[in-house]
Amino acid sequence: MNLRRDVFQALADPTRRAILTLVTTQALTAGAIAANFDTARPTVSKHLQILTECQLLQQEQQGREIYYHINAKGMKEVADFIEPFRRMWDDRFNKLESVMKQYQAKNQK
């Protein structure tokens, strides 16, 4: 049985989150990604492996180079988990804004 790594454990690491941020705008090679960190290239390669296993990154071979880019479908699991919390906080901030406006209106009289 081939177990897939846990997406949320992968996202718990700040280096992996930084890698995801790097590849959101463009596909990059492992070397280009590693150049952004003060760690050994094999360490960055391990992070890339974990992100790929979690299906947060996809690899694309172009000639001799392998490019890594974000996998939007893989990020959906994260977005689906976070969505109820986002709605809850939006609702709470909207209620707070309403209370603040009422307070402000009451004190302007």
PDB file of N, CA and C in Angstrom:
ATOM      1  N   MET A   1       0.841  -1.173   0.000  1.00  0.00           N
ATOM      2  CA  MET A   1       0.000   0.000   0.000  1.00  0.00           C
ATOM      3  C   MET A   1       0.890   1.241   0.000  1.00  0.00           C
ATOM      4  N   ASN A   2       0.645   2.152  -0.897  1.00  0.00           N
ATOM      5  CA  ASN A   2       1.434   3.365  -1.032  1.00  0.00           C
ATOM      6  C   ASN A   2       0.721   4.503  -0.300  1.00  0.00           C
ATOM      7  N   LEU A   3       1.249   4.922   0.839  1.00  0.00           N
ATOM      8  CA  LEU A   3       0.642   5.984   1.625  1.00  0.00           C
ATOM      9  C   LEU A   3       1.113   7.351   1.141  1.00  0.00           C
ATOM     10  N   ARG A   4       0.158   8.247   0.980  1.00  0.00           N
ATOM     11  CA  ARG A   4       0.478   9.613   0.596  1.00  0.00           C
ATOM     12  C   ARG A   4       0.740  10.409   1.864  1.00  0.00           C
ATOM     13  N   ARG A   5       1.729  11.266   1.816  1.00  0.00           N
ATOM     14  CA  ARG A   5       2.036  12.104   2.975  1.00  0.00           C
ATOM     15  C   ARG A   5       0.872  13.036   3.272  1.00  0.00           C
ATOM     16  N   ASP A   6       0.787  13.470   4.525  1.00  0.00           N
ATOM     17  CA  ASP A   6      -0.275  14.366   4.957  1.00  0.00           C
ATOM     18  C   ASP A   6       0.012  15.795   4.497  1.00  0.00           C
ATOM     19  N   VAL A   7      -0.949  16.385   3.832  1.00  0.00           N
ATOM     20  CA  VAL A   7      -0.824  17.744   3.304  1.00  0.00           C
ATOM     21  C   VAL A   7      -0.545  18.744   4.421  1.00  0.00           C
ATOM     22  N   PHE A   8      -1.227  18.585   5.534  1.00  0.00           N
ATOM     23  CA  PHE A   8      -1.111  19.563   6.607  1.00  0.00           C
ATOM     24  C   PHE A   8       0.223  19.457   7.336  1.00  0.00           C
ATOM     25  N   GLN A   9       0.776  18.269   7.424  1.00  0.00           N
ATOM     26  CA  GLN A   9       2.127  18.138   7.975  1.00  0.00           C
ATOM     27  C   GLN A   9       3.134  18.792   7.035  1.00  0.00           C
ATOM     28  N   ALA A  10       2.917  18.647   5.750  1.00  0.00           N
ATOM     29  CA  ALA A  10       3.816  19.283   4.787  1.00  0.00           C
ATOM     30  C   ALA A  10       3.766  20.802   4.919  1.00  0.00           C
ATOM     31  N   LEU A  11       2.576  21.337   5.099  1.00  0.00           N
ATOM     32  CA  LEU A  11       2.420  22.789   5.211  1.00  0.00           C
ATOM     33  C   LEU A  11       2.901  23.342   6.545  1.00  0.00           C
ATOM     34  N   ALA A  12       3.096  22.473   7.517  1.00  0.00           N
ATOM     35  CA  ALA A  12       3.563  22.927   8.834  1.00  0.00           C
ATOM     36  C   ALA A  12       4.995  23.444   8.781  1.00  0.00           C
ATOM     37  N   ASP A  13       5.749  23.048   7.779  1.00  0.00           N
ATOM     38  CA  ASP A  13       7.156  23.447   7.684  1.00  0.00           C
ATOM     39  C   ASP A  13       7.273  24.785   6.960  1.00  0.00           C
ATOM     40  N   PRO A  14       7.934  25.781   7.572  1.00  0.00           N
ATOM     41  CA  PRO A  14       8.044  27.110   6.945  1.00  0.00           C
ATOM     42  C   PRO A  14       8.815  27.098   5.627  1.00  0.00           C
ATOM     43  N   THR A  15       9.793  26.218   5.494  1.00  0.00           N
ATOM     44  CA  THR A  15      10.543  26.150   4.231  1.00  0.00           C
ATOM     45  C   THR A  15       9.640  25.667   3.107  1.00  0.00           C
ATOM     46  N   ARG A  16       8.805  24.682   3.389  1.00  0.00           N
ATOM     47  CA  ARG A  16       7.903  24.179   2.357  1.00  0.00           C
ATOM     48  C   ARG A  16       6.864  25.229   1.978  1.00  0.00           C
ATOM     49  N   ARG A  17       6.400  25.988   2.969  1.00  0.00           N
ATOM     50  CA  ARG A  17       5.467  27.077   2.640  1.00  0.00           C
ATOM     51  C   ARG A  17       6.154  28.116   1.768  1.00  0.00           C
ATOM     52  N   ALA A  18       7.413  28.406   2.058  1.00  0.00           N
ATOM     53  CA  ALA A  18       8.169  29.369   1.245  1.00  0.00           C
ATOM     54  C   ALA A  18       8.357  28.849  -0.181  1.00  0.00           C
ATOM     55  N   ILE A  19       8.599  27.563  -0.316  1.00  0.00           N
ATOM     56  CA  ILE A  19       8.750  26.966  -1.654  1.00  0.00           C
ATOM     57  C   ILE A  19       7.445  27.116  -2.429  1.00  0.00           C
ATOM     58  N   LEU A  20       6.330  26.832  -1.776  1.00  0.00           N
ATOM     59  CA  LEU A  20       5.035  26.985  -2.455  1.00  0.00           C
ATOM     60  C   LEU A  20       4.817  28.427  -2.903  1.00  0.00           C
ATOM     61  N   THR A  21       5.207  29.364  -2.061  1.00  0.00           N
ATOM     62  CA  THR A  21       5.081  30.775  -2.426  1.00  0.00           C
ATOM     63  C   THR A  21       5.930  31.109  -3.644  1.00  0.00           C
ATOM     64  N   LEU A  22       7.137  30.549  -3.689  1.00  0.00           N
ATOM     65  CA  LEU A  22       8.030  30.805  -4.830  1.00  0.00           C
ATOM     66  C   LEU A  22       7.446  30.331  -6.150  1.00  0.00           C
ATOM     67  N   VAL A  23       6.806  29.180  -6.132  1.00  0.00           N
ATOM     68  CA  VAL A  23       6.341  28.608  -7.405  1.00  0.00           C
ATOM     69  C   VAL A  23       4.907  28.996  -7.748  1.00  0.00           C
ATOM     70  N   THR A  24       4.306  29.886  -6.991  1.00  0.00           N
ATOM     71  CA  THR A  24       2.941  30.297  -7.328  1.00  0.00           C
ATOM     72  C   THR A  24       2.885  31.123  -8.603  1.00  0.00           C
ATOM     73  N   THR A  25       3.937  31.851  -8.900  1.00  0.00           N
ATOM     74  CA  THR A  25       3.910  32.726 -10.080  1.00  0.00           C
ATOM     75  C   THR A  25       4.598  32.124 -11.297  1.00  0.00           C
ATOM     76  N   GLN A  26       5.522  31.195 -11.061  1.00  0.00           N
ATOM     77  CA  GLN A  26       6.222  30.581 -12.197  1.00  0.00           C
ATOM     78  C   GLN A  26       6.830  29.252 -11.793  1.00  0.00           C
ATOM     79  N   ALA A  27       6.951  28.365 -12.764  1.00  0.00           N
ATOM     80  CA  ALA A  27       7.598  27.080 -12.528  1.00  0.00           C
ATOM     81  C   ALA A  27       9.102  27.308 -12.399  1.00  0.00           C
ATOM     82  N   LEU A  28       9.722  26.593 -11.462  1.00  0.00           N
ATOM     83  CA  LEU A  28      11.152  26.748 -11.218  1.00  0.00           C
ATOM     84  C   LEU A  28      11.821  25.382 -11.119  1.00  0.00           C
ATOM     85  N   THR A  29      13.103  25.347 -11.446  1.00  0.00           N
ATOM     86  CA  THR A  29      13.885  24.130 -11.269  1.00  0.00           C
ATOM     87  C   THR A  29      14.283  23.998  -9.802  1.00  0.00           C
ATOM     88  N   ALA A  30      14.728  22.812  -9.429  1.00  0.00           N
ATOM     89  CA  ALA A  30      15.173  22.595  -8.051  1.00  0.00           C
ATOM     90  C   ALA A  30      16.331  23.535  -7.710  1.00  0.00           C
ATOM     91  N   GLY A  31      17.226  23.733  -8.663  1.00  0.00           N
ATOM     92  CA  GLY A  31      18.359  24.630  -8.437  1.00  0.00           C
ATOM     93  C   GLY A  31      17.929  26.066  -8.202  1.00  0.00           C
ATOM     94  N   ALA A  32      16.956  26.523  -8.989  1.00  0.00           N
ATOM     95  CA  ALA A  32      16.453  27.890  -8.830  1.00  0.00           C
ATOM     96  C   ALA A  32      15.735  28.049  -7.492  1.00  0.00           C
ATOM     97  N   ILE A  33      15.038  27.019  -7.071  1.00  0.00           N
ATOM     98  CA  ILE A  33      14.364  27.064  -5.771  1.00  0.00           C
ATOM     99  C   ILE A  33      15.407  27.065  -4.659  1.00  0.00           C
ATOM    100  N   ALA A  34      16.386  26.173  -4.752  1.00  0.00           N
ATOM    101  CA  ALA A  34      17.427  26.049  -3.722  1.00  0.00           C
ATOM    102  C   ALA A  34      18.222  27.342  -3.561  1.00  0.00           C
ATOM    103  N   ALA A  35      18.378  28.103  -4.637  1.00  0.00           N
ATOM    104  CA  ALA A  35      19.136  29.351  -4.584  1.00  0.00           C
ATOM    105  C   ALA A  35      18.505  30.372  -3.634  1.00  0.00           C
ATOM    106  N   ASN A  36      17.248  30.166  -3.280  1.00  0.00           N
ATOM    107  CA  ASN A  36      16.541  31.088  -2.390  1.00  0.00           C
ATOM    108  C   ASN A  36      16.688  30.747  -0.912  1.00  0.00           C
ATOM    109  N   PHE A  37      17.428  29.679  -0.617  1.00  0.00           N
ATOM    110  CA  PHE A  37      17.544  29.211   0.761  1.00  0.00           C
ATOM    111  C   PHE A  37      18.997  29.020   1.148  1.00  0.00           C
ATOM    112  N   ASP A  38      19.256  29.149   2.440  1.00  0.00           N
ATOM    113  CA  ASP A  38      20.603  28.957   2.968  1.00  0.00           C
ATOM    114  C   ASP A  38      20.787  27.545   3.511  1.00  0.00           C
ATOM    115  N   THR A  39      20.243  26.587   2.804  1.00  0.00           N
ATOM    116  CA  THR A  39      20.382  25.188   3.199  1.00  0.00           C
ATOM    117  C   THR A  39      20.992  24.406   2.043  1.00  0.00           C
ATOM    118  N   ALA A  40      21.430  23.205   2.335  1.00  0.00           N
ATOM    119  CA  ALA A  40      22.031  22.366   1.298  1.00  0.00           C
ATOM    120  C   ALA A  40      20.965  21.968   0.276  1.00  0.00           C
ATOM    121  N   ARG A  41      21.405  21.813  -0.940  1.00  0.00           N
ATOM    122  CA  ARG A  41      20.472  21.448  -2.006  1.00  0.00           C
ATOM    123  C   ARG A  41      19.737  20.130  -1.717  1.00  0.00           C
ATOM    124  N   PRO A  42      20.412  19.102  -1.155  1.00  0.00           N
ATOM    125  CA  PRO A  42      19.662  17.880  -0.834  1.00  0.00           C
ATOM    126  C   PRO A  42      18.515  18.117   0.152  1.00  0.00           C
ATOM    127  N   THR A  43      18.671  19.086   1.033  1.00  0.00           N
ATOM    128  CA  THR A  43      17.596  19.422   1.970  1.00  0.00           C
ATOM    129  C   THR A  43      16.402  19.991   1.211  1.00  0.00           C
ATOM    130  N   VAL A  44      16.664  20.890   0.283  1.00  0.00           N
ATOM    131  CA  VAL A  44      15.593  21.466  -0.534  1.00  0.00           C
ATOM    132  C   VAL A  44      14.959  20.371  -1.391  1.00  0.00           C
ATOM    133  N   SER A  45      15.771  19.472  -1.912  1.00  0.00           N
ATOM    134  CA  SER A  45      15.241  18.362  -2.715  1.00  0.00           C
ATOM    135  C   SER A  45      14.289  17.498  -1.898  1.00  0.00           C
ATOM    136  N   LYS A  46      14.602  17.285  -0.636  1.00  0.00           N
ATOM    137  CA  LYS A  46      13.711  16.505   0.240  1.00  0.00           C
ATOM    138  C   LYS A  46      12.390  17.237   0.432  1.00  0.00           C
ATOM    139  N   HIS A  47      12.449  18.547   0.610  1.00  0.00           N
ATOM    140  CA  HIS A  47      11.226  19.334   0.728  1.00  0.00           C
ATOM    141  C   HIS A  47      10.393  19.230  -0.551  1.00  0.00           C
ATOM    142  N   LEU A  48      11.057  19.293  -1.704  1.00  0.00           N
ATOM    143  CA  LEU A  48      10.355  19.173  -2.983  1.00  0.00           C
ATOM    144  C   LEU A  48       9.701  17.800  -3.122  1.00  0.00           C
ATOM    145  N   GLN A  49      10.402  16.789  -2.662  1.00  0.00           N
ATOM    146  CA  GLN A  49       9.863  15.429  -2.715  1.00  0.00           C
ATOM    147  C   GLN A  49       8.588  15.327  -1.874  1.00  0.00           C
ATOM    148  N   ILE A  50       8.636  15.872  -0.685  1.00  0.00           N
ATOM    149  CA  ILE A  50       7.466  15.829   0.204  1.00  0.00           C
ATOM    150  C   ILE A  50       6.292  16.585  -0.413  1.00  0.00           C
ATOM    151  N   LEU A  51       6.546  17.773  -0.944  1.00  0.00           N
ATOM    152  CA  LEU A  51       5.479  18.565  -1.553  1.00  0.00           C
ATOM    153  C   LEU A  51       4.896  17.875  -2.780  1.00  0.00           C
ATOM    154  N   THR A  52       5.742  17.174  -3.520  1.00  0.00           N
ATOM    155  CA  THR A  52       5.278  16.436  -4.694  1.00  0.00           C
ATOM    156  C   THR A  52       4.442  15.233  -4.268  1.00  0.00           C
ATOM    157  N   GLU A  53       4.898  14.516  -3.240  1.00  0.00           N
ATOM    158  CA  GLU A  53       4.145  13.370  -2.734  1.00  0.00           C
ATOM    159  C   GLU A  53       2.781  13.777  -2.198  1.00  0.00           C
ATOM    160  N   CYS A  54       2.694  14.964  -1.645  1.00  0.00           N
ATOM    161  CA  CYS A  54       1.423  15.487  -1.123  1.00  0.00           C
ATOM    162  C   CYS A  54       0.549  16.049  -2.235  1.00  0.00           C
ATOM    163  N   GLN A  55       1.057  16.077  -3.414  1.00  0.00           N
ATOM    164  CA  GLN A  55       0.368  16.597  -4.595  1.00  0.00           C
ATOM    165  C   GLN A  55       0.105  18.103  -4.503  1.00  0.00           C
ATOM    166  N   LEU A  56       0.983  18.799  -3.769  1.00  0.00           N
ATOM    167  CA  LEU A  56       0.919  20.253  -3.734  1.00  0.00           C
ATOM    168  C   LEU A  56       1.763  20.856  -4.847  1.00  0.00           C
ATOM    169  N   LEU A  57       2.766  20.102  -5.286  1.00  0.00           N
ATOM    170  CA  LEU A  57       3.600  20.484  -6.425  1.00  0.00           C
ATOM    171  C   LEU A  57       3.495  19.418  -7.497  1.00  0.00           C
ATOM    172  N   GLN A  58       3.681  19.844  -8.734  1.00  0.00           N
ATOM    173  CA  GLN A  58       3.780  18.921  -9.855  1.00  0.00           C
ATOM    174  C   GLN A  58       5.117  19.136 -10.530  1.00  0.00           C
ATOM    175  N   GLN A  59       5.657  18.062 -11.073  1.00  0.00           N
ATOM    176  CA  GLN A  59       6.913  18.132 -11.813  1.00  0.00           C
ATOM    177  C   GLN A  59       6.607  18.108 -13.302  1.00  0.00           C
ATOM    178  N   GLU A  60       7.406  18.852 -14.052  1.00  0.00           N
ATOM    179  CA  GLU A  60       7.270  18.854 -15.505  1.00  0.00           C
ATOM    180  C   GLU A  60       8.671  18.815 -16.110  1.00  0.00           C
ATOM    181  N   GLN A  61       8.933  17.779 -16.873  1.00  0.00           N
ATOM    182  CA  GLN A  61      10.239  17.623 -17.525  1.00  0.00           C
ATOM    183  C   GLN A  61      10.267  18.482 -18.786  1.00  0.00           C
ATOM    184  N   GLN A  62      11.286  19.326 -18.890  1.00  0.00           N
ATOM    185  CA  GLN A  62      11.519  20.135 -20.098  1.00  0.00           C
ATOM    186  C   GLN A  62      12.973  19.955 -20.468  1.00  0.00           C
ATOM    187  N   GLY A  63      13.217  19.105 -21.455  1.00  0.00           N
ATOM    188  CA  GLY A  63      14.599  18.777 -21.814  1.00  0.00           C
ATOM    189  C   GLY A  63      15.251  18.043 -20.663  1.00  0.00           C
ATOM    190  N   ARG A  64      16.394  18.535 -20.231  1.00  0.00           N
ATOM    191  CA  ARG A  64      17.111  17.900 -19.118  1.00  0.00           C
ATOM    192  C   ARG A  64      16.667  18.412 -17.757  1.00  0.00           C
ATOM    193  N   GLU A  65      15.880  19.445 -17.738  1.00  0.00           N
ATOM    194  CA  GLU A  65      15.468  20.075 -16.479  1.00  0.00           C
ATOM    195  C   GLU A  65      14.080  19.601 -16.029  1.00  0.00           C
ATOM    196  N   ILE A  66      13.911  19.540 -14.727  1.00  0.00           N
ATOM    197  CA  ILE A  66      12.601  19.278 -14.143  1.00  0.00           C
ATOM    198  C   ILE A  66      12.142  20.571 -13.482  1.00  0.00           C
ATOM    199  N   TYR A  67      10.977  21.022 -13.881  1.00  0.00           N
ATOM    200  CA  TYR A  67      10.400  22.237 -13.322  1.00  0.00           C
ATOM    201  C   TYR A  67       9.288  21.865 -12.351  1.00  0.00           C
ATOM    202  N   TYR A  68       9.224  22.614 -11.264  1.00  0.00           N
ATOM    203  CA  TYR A  68       8.199  22.408 -10.257  1.00  0.00           C
ATOM    204  C   TYR A  68       7.204  23.554 -10.334  1.00  0.00           C
ATOM    205  N   HIS A  69       5.937  23.219 -10.304  1.00  0.00           N
ATOM    206  CA  HIS A  69       4.906  24.252 -10.276  1.00  0.00           C
ATOM    207  C   HIS A  69       3.787  23.825  -9.339  1.00  0.00           C
ATOM    208  N   ILE A  70       3.029  24.808  -8.909  1.00  0.00           N
ATOM    209  CA  ILE A  70       1.961  24.580  -7.935  1.00  0.00           C
ATOM    210  C   ILE A  70       0.882  23.711  -8.569  1.00  0.00           C
ATOM    211  N   ASN A  71       0.317  22.840  -7.772  1.00  0.00           N
ATOM    212  CA  ASN A  71      -0.792  22.007  -8.215  1.00  0.00           C
ATOM    213  C   ASN A  71      -2.060  22.546  -7.549  1.00  0.00           C
ATOM    214  N   ALA A  72      -2.834  23.293  -8.300  1.00  0.00           N
ATOM    215  CA  ALA A  72      -4.028  23.933  -7.744  1.00  0.00           C
ATOM    216  C   ALA A  72      -5.019  22.903  -7.203  1.00  0.00           C
ATOM    217  N   LYS A  73      -5.123  21.769  -7.860  1.00  0.00           N
ATOM    218  CA  LYS A  73      -6.043  20.728  -7.376  1.00  0.00           C
ATOM    219  C   LYS A  73      -5.591  20.201  -6.017  1.00  0.00           C
ATOM    220  N   GLY A  74      -4.302  20.078  -5.813  1.00  0.00           N
ATOM    221  CA  GLY A  74      -3.784  19.626  -4.525  1.00  0.00           C
ATOM    222  C   GLY A  74      -4.042  20.631  -3.416  1.00  0.00           C
ATOM    223  N   MET A  75      -4.032  21.895  -3.774  1.00  0.00           N
ATOM    224  CA  MET A  75      -4.282  22.945  -2.782  1.00  0.00           C
ATOM    225  C   MET A  75      -5.766  23.008  -2.392  1.00  0.00           C
ATOM    226  N   LYS A  76      -6.625  22.397  -3.204  1.00  0.00           N
ATOM    227  CA  LYS A  76      -8.067  22.420  -2.917  1.00  0.00           C
ATOM    228  C   LYS A  76      -8.385  21.752  -1.586  1.00  0.00           C
ATOM    229  N   GLU A  77      -7.685  20.688  -1.242  1.00  0.00           N
ATOM    230  CA  GLU A  77      -7.913  20.021   0.044  1.00  0.00           C
ATOM    231  C   GLU A  77      -7.684  21.001   1.192  1.00  0.00           C
ATOM    232  N   VAL A  78      -6.660  21.812   1.071  1.00  0.00           N
ATOM    233  CA  VAL A  78      -6.351  22.807   2.090  1.00  0.00           C
ATOM    234  C   VAL A  78      -7.431  23.889   2.107  1.00  0.00           C
ATOM    235  N   ALA A  79      -7.789  24.375   0.934  1.00  0.00           N
ATOM    236  CA  ALA A  79      -8.805  25.432   0.835  1.00  0.00           C
ATOM    237  C   ALA A  79     -10.146  24.957   1.381  1.00  0.00           C
ATOM    238  N   ASP A  80     -10.511  23.714   1.078  1.00  0.00           N
ATOM    239  CA  ASP A  80     -11.777  23.174   1.574  1.00  0.00           C
ATOM    240  C   ASP A  80     -11.782  23.086   3.100  1.00  0.00           C
ATOM    241  N   PHE A  81     -10.646  22.739   3.681  1.00  0.00           N
ATOM    242  CA  PHE A  81     -10.549  22.649   5.133  1.00  0.00           C
ATOM    243  C   PHE A  81     -10.651  24.029   5.778  1.00  0.00           C
ATOM    244  N   ILE A  82     -10.015  25.020   5.178  1.00  0.00           N
ATOM    245  CA  ILE A  82      -9.937  26.364   5.748  1.00  0.00           C
ATOM    246  C   ILE A  82     -11.231  27.164   5.554  1.00  0.00           C
ATOM    247  N   GLU A  83     -12.004  26.864   4.540  1.00  0.00           N
ATOM    248  CA  GLU A  83     -13.172  27.666   4.183  1.00  0.00           C
ATOM    249  C   GLU A  83     -14.157  27.894   5.337  1.00  0.00           C
ATOM    250  N   PRO A  84     -14.551  26.880   6.102  1.00  0.00           N
ATOM    251  CA  PRO A  84     -15.483  27.157   7.206  1.00  0.00           C
ATOM    252  C   PRO A  84     -14.909  28.131   8.249  1.00  0.00           C
ATOM    253  N   PHE A  85     -13.606  28.052   8.473  1.00  0.00           N
ATOM    254  CA  PHE A  85     -12.970  28.973   9.415  1.00  0.00           C
ATOM    255  C   PHE A  85     -12.945  30.391   8.863  1.00  0.00           C
ATOM    256  N   ARG A  86     -12.708  30.515   7.573  1.00  0.00           N
ATOM    257  CA  ARG A  86     -12.707  31.834   6.935  1.00  0.00           C
ATOM    258  C   ARG A  86     -14.088  32.474   7.043  1.00  0.00           C
ATOM    259  N   ARG A  87     -15.131  31.681   6.775  1.00  0.00           N
ATOM    260  CA  ARG A  87     -16.497  32.207   6.881  1.00  0.00           C
ATOM    261  C   ARG A  87     -16.808  32.631   8.313  1.00  0.00           C
ATOM    262  N   MET A  88     -16.371  31.817   9.284  1.00  0.00           N
ATOM    263  CA  MET A  88     -16.609  32.134  10.692  1.00  0.00           C
ATOM    264  C   MET A  88     -15.952  33.467  11.055  1.00  0.00           C
ATOM    265  N   TRP A  89     -14.682  33.660  10.647  1.00  0.00           N
ATOM    266  CA  TRP A  89     -13.985  34.898  10.988  1.00  0.00           C
ATOM    267  C   TRP A  89     -14.564  36.092  10.247  1.00  0.00           C
ATOM    268  N   ASP A  90     -14.982  35.892   8.987  1.00  0.00           N
ATOM    269  CA  ASP A  90     -15.646  36.979   8.266  1.00  0.00           C
ATOM    270  C   ASP A  90     -16.905  37.414   9.000  1.00  0.00           C
ATOM    271  N   ASP A  91     -17.675  36.435   9.464  1.00  0.00           N
ATOM    272  CA  ASP A  91     -18.902  36.741  10.198  1.00  0.00           C
ATOM    273  C   ASP A  91     -18.595  37.492  11.491  1.00  0.00           C
ATOM    274  N   ARG A  92     -17.579  37.045  12.211  1.00  0.00           N
ATOM    275  CA  ARG A  92     -17.221  37.712  13.471  1.00  0.00           C
ATOM    276  C   ARG A  92     -16.738  39.145  13.240  1.00  0.00           C
ATOM    277  N   PHE A  93     -15.935  39.350  12.203  1.00  0.00           N
ATOM    278  CA  PHE A  93     -15.452  40.703  11.913  1.00  0.00           C
ATOM    279  C   PHE A  93     -16.601  41.601  11.461  1.00  0.00           C
ATOM    280  N   ASN A  94     -17.546  41.048  10.705  1.00  0.00           N
ATOM    281  CA  ASN A  94     -18.710  41.837  10.294  1.00  0.00           C
ATOM    282  C   ASN A  94     -19.535  42.257  11.503  1.00  0.00           C
ATOM    283  N   LYS A  95     -19.709  41.340  12.467  1.00  0.00           N
ATOM    284  CA  LYS A  95     -20.440  41.678  13.692  1.00  0.00           C
ATOM    285  C   LYS A  95     -19.691  42.741  14.491  1.00  0.00           C
ATOM    286  N   LEU A  96     -18.385  42.607  14.581  1.00  0.00           N
ATOM    287  CA  LEU A  96     -17.578  43.595  15.298  1.00  0.00           C
ATOM    288  C   LEU A  96     -17.703  44.961  14.630  1.00  0.00           C
ATOM    289  N   GLU A  97     -17.651  44.991  13.310  1.00  0.00           N
ATOM    290  CA  GLU A  97     -17.790  46.249  12.576  1.00  0.00           C
ATOM    291  C   GLU A  97     -19.144  46.896  12.865  1.00  0.00           C
ATOM    292  N   SER A  98     -20.186  46.077  12.914  1.00  0.00           N
ATOM    293  CA  SER A  98     -21.519  46.587  13.208  1.00  0.00           C
ATOM    294  C   SER A  98     -21.582  47.189  14.610  1.00  0.00           C
ATOM    295  N   VAL A  99     -21.003  46.507  15.587  1.00  0.00           N
ATOM    296  CA  VAL A  99     -20.977  47.007  16.961  1.00  0.00           C
ATOM    297  C   VAL A  99     -20.193  48.318  17.025  1.00  0.00           C
ATOM    298  N   MET A 100     -19.068  48.361  16.330  1.00  0.00           N
ATOM    299  CA  MET A 100     -18.237  49.581  16.334  1.00  0.00           C
ATOM    300  C   MET A 100     -18.988  50.756  15.714  1.00  0.00           C
ATOM    301  N   LYS A 101     -19.728  50.510  14.635  1.00  0.00           N
ATOM    302  CA  LYS A 101     -20.502  51.585  14.001  1.00  0.00           C
ATOM    303  C   LYS A 101     -21.616  52.067  14.916  1.00  0.00           C
ATOM    304  N   GLN A 102     -22.278  51.144  15.602  1.00  0.00           N
ATOM    305  CA  GLN A 102     -23.330  51.537  16.541  1.00  0.00           C
ATOM    306  C   GLN A 102     -22.744  52.375  17.678  1.00  0.00           C
ATOM    307  N   TYR A 103     -21.611  51.946  18.197  1.00  0.00           N
ATOM    308  CA  TYR A 103     -20.947  52.668  19.277  1.00  0.00           C
ATOM    309  C   TYR A 103     -20.548  54.066  18.809  1.00  0.00           C
ATOM    310  N   GLN A 104     -19.985  54.126  17.607  1.00  0.00           N
ATOM    311  CA  GLN A 104     -19.537  55.410  17.056  1.00  0.00           C
ATOM    312  C   GLN A 104     -20.740  56.333  16.842  1.00  0.00           C
ATOM    313  N   ALA A 105     -21.835  55.801  16.313  1.00  0.00           N
ATOM    314  CA  ALA A 105     -23.029  56.615  16.066  1.00  0.00           C
ATOM    315  C   ALA A 105     -23.625  57.113  17.384  1.00  0.00           C
ATOM    316  N   LYS A 106     -23.619  56.278  18.409  1.00  0.00           N
ATOM    317  CA  LYS A 106     -24.151  56.639  19.711  1.00  0.00           C
ATOM    318  C   LYS A 106     -23.316  57.744  20.353  1.00  0.00           C
ATOM    319  N   ASN A 107     -22.011  57.707  20.170  1.00  0.00           N
ATOM    320  CA  ASN A 107     -21.119  58.684  20.797  1.00  0.00           C
ATOM    321  C   ASN A 107     -20.975  59.977  20.006  1.00  0.00           C
ATOM    322  N   GLN A 108     -21.503  60.020  18.786  1.00  0.00           N
ATOM    323  CA  GLN A 108     -21.448  61.253  18.001  1.00  0.00           C
ATOM    324  C   GLN A 108     -22.637  62.157  18.271  1.00  0.00           C
ATOM    325  N   LYS A 109     -23.581  61.686  19.025  1.00  0.00           N
ATOM    326  CA  LYS A 109     -24.786  62.492  19.310  1.00  0.00           C
ATOM    327  C   LYS A 109     -24.519  63.549  20.333  1.00  0.00           C
TER     328      LYS A 109
END
